[in-house]
Each structure stands twice: as structure tokens, then as C-alpha cells.
């Protein structure tokens, strides 16, 4: 009779767990790579991924997807104004959502255009006043990102080394007040000096001189039938915000100034105690 060889029993593989472990590690790596890639993409890339997944899982043409924005902050996938991209919970009519978004964007653009015209109108009035009075070299207005900046050289407002506003300067400021009073925007009054040191009993340094000059201008501009106190603020920068080189007398003369800054309304939220004022900011110059 042929002899049957008994097969050896199968040996247990003590390293089989490594296969499961390596699969788990691979899946975790893929998971984190996907998370990282999603944090770097923009809305168009996200929509492309969503469309591909929709086709693969559901078939057919995918429905339009919009990324909602959390009320507490901007979306992970989009940058910009959160309110302009947000969708209302439970809304399914994409045409209505698109129309609402476009309407809000058009309204915002319309407000900006109108308010830019207001800034330009104020600038035109002040430029004409300066030209009519021969002070266009000492009262200069310019439009910047933060708003309209009216720079008044110190010789038009004060005696040398003094913070007392002269009678002639009061007449000039009265005209400026009549132009600025109708606008509801915040106004910052900034005092500046050159880098020549000052050391007197009243002004130990240029800091004190710049602050007191700004404050004295504020006191003239604020009050009944003028500009409301809560719209005004005074700041002194000393010699540390020059607009020209201090190496020449002409440059130092430019640096000795008081700037009146009519802030755009988008900066309202940066003002102290005004974190919830966005509802009223649409009526202000932007």
C-alpha cells in the first residue's frame, strides 16, 4: 500500500498583524493628505471635486453647489466678505440665491461709487477754498485707502513752537467744518512735527507738542452746530510719521502738519466701542 504522508500543520504567522497595521497607516495618511489639500483649494477647485464625486456616486449632472459661510467667521474654502457668499439655511432655489448674491454685490458697489463721489465732492470744495484763498500749498487734500486726508501745515495754524491756534486759523477751520459737518464719518485729527528736538516746560518733547496741537484743533471743530464729539479723535505722532525727508527745511515744513482724516465707513468696526455698528455704516462715506 502506498504510504500517505501526513501534512505538517500550518504554522501561525506572527507578523500578519503588520498587514492590517500598514493598511491603517496608509489610510490615515491619505485622509490627512485630503484634509490638507482641501484647506488649500479655492471655491472653484472645491466645486470641481464635488462635481466629480456627485457624478461618481449618483450619476447624471450634478446640481450646483454653494459653500455656506459660518456666521462666526469666514469659510475654510473661500476668502473675501463672508456675508456676500452666505446662503440661508433651508434655501434650495439656486436662482434666488444667485440673484440675492448679485443684488447684494451690486448694492455694495453702488454704495461705494456713490460714497466715492461724496469724498471727491468734499475734496473739490476744499481744493477750491484753498485756491481762492491762496493757501493751496499749505492746505492739501488727498484720497487714500483709509479715506480723505486733509493736510494743513503748522504755519497756517500755529506760531512756531506753539500749540495755540491763531485767529486766522480759526477762520480756516470754520470753513473746513462747514464742509465736513454733513458727513457722518469718523474723523481722526493727527498731529505731526519734524525731527528737530524741543524741550520746554510745556513741551518736553515733540510728542506733547503734536498731541496738544491735535487736541486744540479738535476743540475748535467739535461742539453744537459743528461736528459731534463722538465722531472725533485726536492723536499725536511726534516726528515719527514723516511725509518728506527731514534733511531739508522744505521737507521739515511738510512734516510739521495736522492731518484731518475722514475715515471710510469700512473702518467703523475698528473704532473702540463700535463693534456692532455695521448696520449704520452703509449710510456713511466709503
Protein backbone atom coordinates (compact mmCIF):
# COMPACT_ATOMS: atom_id res chain seq x y z
CA UNK A 1 0.00 0.00 0.00
CA UNK A 2 1.18 3.45 -0.74
CA UNK A 3 2.09 5.40 2.29
CA UNK A 4 0.25 8.70 2.89
CA UNK A 5 2.47 11.41 4.18
CA UNK A 6 0.81 13.47 6.81
CA UNK A 7 0.94 17.17 6.04
CA UNK A 8 2.59 19.34 8.59
CA UNK A 9 0.11 21.62 10.35
CA UNK A 10 0.14 25.22 9.07
CA UNK A 11 2.36 27.42 11.12
CA UNK A 12 0.88 30.56 12.63
CA UNK A 13 2.28 33.72 11.04
CA UNK A 14 3.09 36.00 13.91
CA UNK A 15 3.64 39.00 11.62
CA UNK A 16 0.23 39.01 9.96
CA UNK A 17 -0.86 41.95 12.09
CA UNK A 18 1.63 44.08 10.22
CA UNK A 19 -0.57 43.93 7.12
CA UNK A 20 -3.54 45.38 8.95
CA UNK A 21 -1.37 47.96 10.64
CA UNK A 22 0.23 49.10 7.38
CA UNK A 23 -3.21 49.40 5.73
CA UNK A 24 -4.43 51.54 8.63
CA UNK A 25 -1.39 53.82 8.45
CA UNK A 26 -1.83 54.20 4.69
CA UNK A 27 -5.49 55.14 5.07
CA UNK A 28 -4.65 57.69 7.77
CA UNK A 29 -2.00 59.24 5.58
CA UNK A 30 -4.43 59.52 2.67
CA UNK A 31 -7.04 61.02 4.99
CA UNK A 32 -4.70 63.76 6.21
CA UNK A 33 -3.45 64.47 2.68
CA UNK A 34 -7.06 65.02 1.61
CA UNK A 35 -7.68 67.34 4.58
CA UNK A 36 -4.56 69.33 3.77
CA UNK A 37 -5.46 69.64 0.10
CA UNK A 38 -8.99 70.81 0.97
CA UNK A 39 -7.59 73.54 3.20
CA UNK A 40 -5.52 74.89 0.29
CA UNK A 41 -8.07 74.92 -2.53
CA UNK A 42 -10.37 77.71 -3.57
CA UNK A 43 -14.09 77.54 -4.31
CA UNK A 44 -13.61 76.54 -7.97
CA UNK A 45 -11.41 73.58 -7.07
CA UNK A 46 -13.82 72.53 -4.34
CA UNK A 47 -16.72 72.65 -6.79
CA UNK A 48 -14.76 70.53 -9.29
CA UNK A 49 -14.14 67.87 -6.62
CA UNK A 50 -17.78 67.96 -5.56
CA UNK A 51 -18.94 67.61 -9.16
CA UNK A 52 -16.67 64.59 -9.70
CA UNK A 53 -17.90 62.90 -6.53
CA UNK A 54 -21.51 63.58 -7.44
CA UNK A 55 -21.08 62.02 -10.87
CA UNK A 56 -19.25 59.01 -9.46
CA UNK A 57 -21.71 58.33 -6.67
CA UNK A 58 -25.04 59.50 -8.03
CA UNK A 59 -24.61 59.70 -11.77
CA UNK A 60 -26.05 62.34 -14.05
CA UNK A 61 -25.34 66.04 -13.99
CA UNK A 62 -24.55 67.32 -10.51
CA UNK A 63 -26.62 70.10 -9.04
CA UNK A 64 -24.98 73.46 -8.42
CA UNK A 65 -23.34 73.60 -5.00
CA UNK A 66 -22.71 76.71 -2.96
CA UNK A 67 -20.45 76.91 0.05
CA UNK A 68 -22.24 78.32 3.07
CA UNK A 69 -20.38 80.55 5.42
CA UNK A 70 -20.40 80.13 9.16
CA UNK A 71 -21.74 83.21 11.00
CA UNK A 72 -18.78 83.06 13.34
CA UNK A 73 -16.13 83.52 10.69
CA UNK A 74 -15.04 83.07 7.08
CA UNK A 75 -15.40 79.80 5.22
CA UNK A 76 -12.48 77.38 5.17
CA UNK A 77 -12.60 77.31 1.38
CA UNK A 78 -13.26 80.92 0.40
CA UNK A 79 -11.78 84.29 1.12
CA UNK A 80 -13.44 87.68 0.99
CA UNK A 81 -16.53 89.16 2.57
CA UNK A 82 -18.36 86.33 4.37
CA UNK A 83 -21.75 87.99 4.05
CA UNK A 84 -21.56 88.17 0.27
CA UNK A 85 -21.26 84.37 -0.07
CA UNK A 86 -23.51 83.10 2.71
CA UNK A 87 -26.62 81.05 1.88
CA UNK A 88 -29.71 80.96 4.03
CA UNK A 89 -30.44 77.63 5.79
CA UNK A 90 -33.05 75.57 4.01
CA UNK A 91 -32.82 77.53 0.77
CA UNK A 92 -32.97 75.34 -2.31
CA UNK A 93 -33.73 77.80 -5.09
CA UNK A 94 -30.33 78.39 -6.64
CA UNK A 95 -31.57 81.12 -8.96
CA UNK A 96 -32.90 83.07 -6.00
CA UNK A 97 -29.61 82.63 -4.11
CA UNK A 98 -27.61 83.80 -7.11
CA UNK A 99 -29.91 86.76 -7.59
CA UNK A 100 -29.65 87.72 -3.93
CA UNK A 101 -25.85 87.49 -4.03
CA UNK A 102 -25.65 89.55 -7.21
CA UNK A 103 -28.10 92.09 -5.81
CA UNK A 104 -26.04 92.48 -2.62
CA UNK A 105 -22.84 92.83 -4.61
CA UNK A 106 -24.41 95.39 -6.95
CA UNK A 107 -25.84 97.30 -3.98
CA UNK A 108 -22.46 97.39 -2.26
CA UNK A 109 -20.77 98.54 -5.45
CA UNK A 110 -23.44 101.21 -5.89
CA UNK A 111 -22.91 102.48 -2.34
CA UNK A 112 -19.15 102.55 -2.86
CA UNK A 113 -19.48 104.51 -6.10
CA UNK A 114 -21.86 107.00 -4.51
CA UNK A 115 -19.67 107.45 -1.46
CA UNK A 116 -16.53 107.85 -3.55
CA UNK A 117 -18.32 110.68 -5.30
CA UNK A 118 -19.00 112.21 -1.88
CA UNK A 119 -15.31 112.03 -0.99
CA UNK A 120 -14.39 113.60 -4.31
CA UNK A 121 -17.01 116.31 -3.76
CA UNK A 122 -15.56 117.21 -0.36
CA UNK A 123 -12.08 117.27 -1.83
CA UNK A 124 -13.19 119.53 -4.67
CA UNK A 125 -14.79 122.03 -2.26
CA UNK A 126 -11.71 122.19 -0.05
CA UNK A 127 -9.35 122.48 -3.01
CA UNK A 128 -11.41 125.38 -4.38
CA UNK A 129 -11.43 127.09 -0.99
CA UNK A 130 -7.64 126.72 -0.72
CA UNK A 131 -7.11 128.06 -4.25
CA UNK A 132 -9.46 131.02 -3.71
CA UNK A 133 -7.55 131.99 -0.55
CA UNK A 134 -4.06 131.34 -1.92
CA UNK A 135 -3.27 128.59 0.59
CA UNK A 136 -3.29 125.60 -1.77
CA UNK A 137 0.34 124.86 -0.89
CA UNK A 138 -0.46 124.72 2.83
CA UNK A 139 -3.88 123.03 2.77
CA UNK A 140 -3.62 119.92 0.65
CA UNK A 141 -6.18 117.11 0.36
CA UNK A 142 -5.59 113.62 -0.98
CA UNK A 143 -7.63 110.43 -1.28
CA UNK A 144 -6.02 107.39 0.33
CA UNK A 145 -7.11 103.85 1.17
CA UNK A 146 -8.25 104.89 4.63
CA UNK A 147 -10.22 107.88 3.33
CA UNK A 148 -9.80 111.59 2.61
CA UNK A 149 -6.71 113.16 4.20
CA UNK A 150 -6.58 116.95 4.61
CA UNK A 151 -3.05 118.07 5.50
CA UNK A 152 -2.70 121.54 7.00
CA UNK A 153 0.82 122.85 7.53
CA UNK A 154 1.60 124.13 11.00
CA UNK A 155 2.35 127.68 9.86
CA UNK A 156 -1.28 128.00 8.81
CA UNK A 157 -2.48 127.05 12.30
CA UNK A 158 0.15 127.90 14.94
CA UNK A 159 3.04 130.15 15.77
CA UNK A 160 6.45 128.45 15.79
CA UNK A 161 6.83 126.14 18.81
CA UNK A 162 3.28 126.85 19.96
CA UNK A 163 0.10 124.75 20.12
CA UNK A 164 -2.31 127.71 20.34
CA UNK A 165 -4.50 128.05 17.26
CA UNK A 166 -4.24 131.52 15.69
CA UNK A 167 -7.33 133.65 14.88
CA UNK A 168 -6.65 133.26 11.15
CA UNK A 169 -6.52 129.50 11.60
CA UNK A 170 -9.91 129.54 13.33
CA UNK A 171 -11.44 131.15 10.23
CA UNK A 172 -9.92 128.46 8.04
CA UNK A 173 -11.10 125.66 10.33
CA UNK A 174 -14.63 127.15 10.40
CA UNK A 175 -14.79 126.76 6.62
CA UNK A 176 -13.49 123.20 6.84
CA UNK A 177 -16.12 122.43 9.48
CA UNK A 178 -18.98 123.56 7.23
CA UNK A 179 -17.78 121.13 4.56
CA UNK A 180 -17.20 118.15 6.88
CA UNK A 181 -20.14 118.53 9.27
CA UNK A 182 -22.81 116.97 6.96
CA UNK A 183 -20.83 113.74 6.55
CA UNK A 184 -21.40 111.21 9.37
CA UNK A 185 -17.97 109.60 9.08
CA UNK A 186 -15.43 109.37 11.87
CA UNK A 187 -12.69 111.99 11.69
CA UNK A 188 -9.20 111.48 13.10
CA UNK A 189 -7.12 114.55 13.86
CA UNK A 190 -3.41 113.72 13.76
CA UNK A 191 -0.62 115.99 14.94
CA UNK A 192 2.87 115.72 13.41
CA UNK A 193 6.20 117.50 13.90
CA UNK A 194 9.63 117.48 12.29
CA UNK A 195 12.63 115.85 13.95
CA UNK A 196 14.11 118.99 15.48
CA UNK A 197 14.06 118.45 19.24
CA UNK A 198 12.03 120.63 21.57
CA UNK A 199 12.48 120.80 25.32
CA UNK A 200 10.44 123.40 27.16
CA UNK A 201 8.44 123.37 30.36
CA UNK A 202 5.23 122.96 28.37
CA UNK A 203 6.59 120.60 25.71
CA UNK A 204 9.30 118.23 26.99
CA UNK A 205 9.34 116.54 23.56
CA UNK A 206 7.67 116.54 20.15
CA UNK A 207 5.15 114.02 21.46
CA UNK A 208 3.50 116.59 23.72
CA UNK A 209 3.58 119.26 21.03
CA UNK A 210 1.93 117.04 18.41
CA UNK A 211 -0.75 115.76 20.79
CA UNK A 212 -1.70 119.21 22.11
CA UNK A 213 -1.88 120.67 18.61
CA UNK A 214 -4.23 117.89 17.50
CA UNK A 215 -6.34 118.29 20.65
CA UNK A 216 -6.64 122.06 20.25
CA UNK A 217 -7.82 121.66 16.66
CA UNK A 218 -10.36 119.09 17.85
CA UNK A 219 -11.73 121.51 20.46
CA UNK A 220 -12.38 124.10 17.74
CA UNK A 221 -14.02 121.63 15.36
CA UNK A 222 -16.29 119.97 17.94
CA UNK A 223 -19.42 121.33 19.51
CA UNK A 224 -23.02 122.39 18.82
CA UNK A 225 -23.67 123.29 15.17
CA UNK A 226 -20.23 121.90 14.38
CA UNK A 227 -19.07 118.26 14.48
CA UNK A 228 -20.23 115.83 17.14
CA UNK A 229 -17.61 114.93 19.74
CA UNK A 230 -18.21 111.19 19.26
CA UNK A 231 -17.08 111.44 15.64
CA UNK A 232 -13.73 112.99 16.50
CA UNK A 233 -10.48 111.68 17.94
CA UNK A 234 -7.05 113.25 18.39
CA UNK A 235 -3.68 111.55 18.04
CA UNK A 236 -0.08 112.76 18.25
CA UNK A 237 2.67 111.05 16.27
CA UNK A 238 5.52 113.38 17.09
CA UNK A 239 8.24 113.17 14.47
CA UNK A 240 7.63 109.50 13.63
CA UNK A 241 5.23 109.73 10.66
CA UNK A 242 7.09 112.00 8.22
CA UNK A 243 5.86 112.51 4.66
CA UNK A 244 9.15 114.02 3.49
CA UNK A 245 12.81 113.95 4.39
CA UNK A 246 13.82 115.94 7.46
CA UNK A 247 17.20 116.72 5.86
CA UNK A 248 15.94 119.97 4.33
CA UNK A 249 13.88 122.90 5.58
CA UNK A 250 11.28 122.28 2.86
CA UNK A 251 10.91 118.67 3.97
CA UNK A 252 10.66 119.62 7.64
CA UNK A 253 7.97 122.17 6.77
CA UNK A 254 5.92 119.43 5.11
CA UNK A 255 6.27 117.20 8.16
CA UNK A 256 5.05 119.87 10.58
CA UNK A 257 1.35 119.43 9.94
CA UNK A 258 -2.07 118.49 11.26
CA UNK A 259 -3.91 115.84 9.25
CA UNK A 260 -7.70 115.61 9.24
CA UNK A 261 -8.59 112.06 8.16
CA UNK A 262 -12.19 111.37 7.13
CA UNK A 263 -12.29 107.60 7.51
CA UNK A 264 -14.13 105.36 5.09
CA UNK A 265 -17.09 103.64 6.72
CA UNK A 266 -15.49 100.20 6.36
CA UNK A 267 -13.16 101.20 9.18
CA UNK A 268 -16.04 101.90 11.58
CA UNK A 269 -15.70 98.47 13.16
CA UNK A 270 -12.10 99.24 14.10
CA UNK A 271 -13.22 102.16 16.26
CA UNK A 272 -13.49 101.45 20.03
CA UNK A 273 -16.99 100.59 21.22
CA UNK A 274 -18.31 100.29 17.69
CA UNK A 275 -18.23 96.51 17.07
CA UNK A 276 -21.96 96.36 16.24
CA UNK A 277 -22.22 99.48 14.11
CA UNK A 278 -22.17 97.76 10.72
CA UNK A 279 -25.90 98.28 10.26
CA UNK A 280 -25.49 102.06 10.23
CA UNK A 281 -22.27 102.16 8.22
CA UNK A 282 -23.97 101.78 4.83
CA UNK A 283 -25.17 105.37 5.00
CA UNK A 284 -21.67 106.73 5.50
CA UNK A 285 -18.97 107.64 3.05
CA UNK A 286 -16.95 104.64 1.97
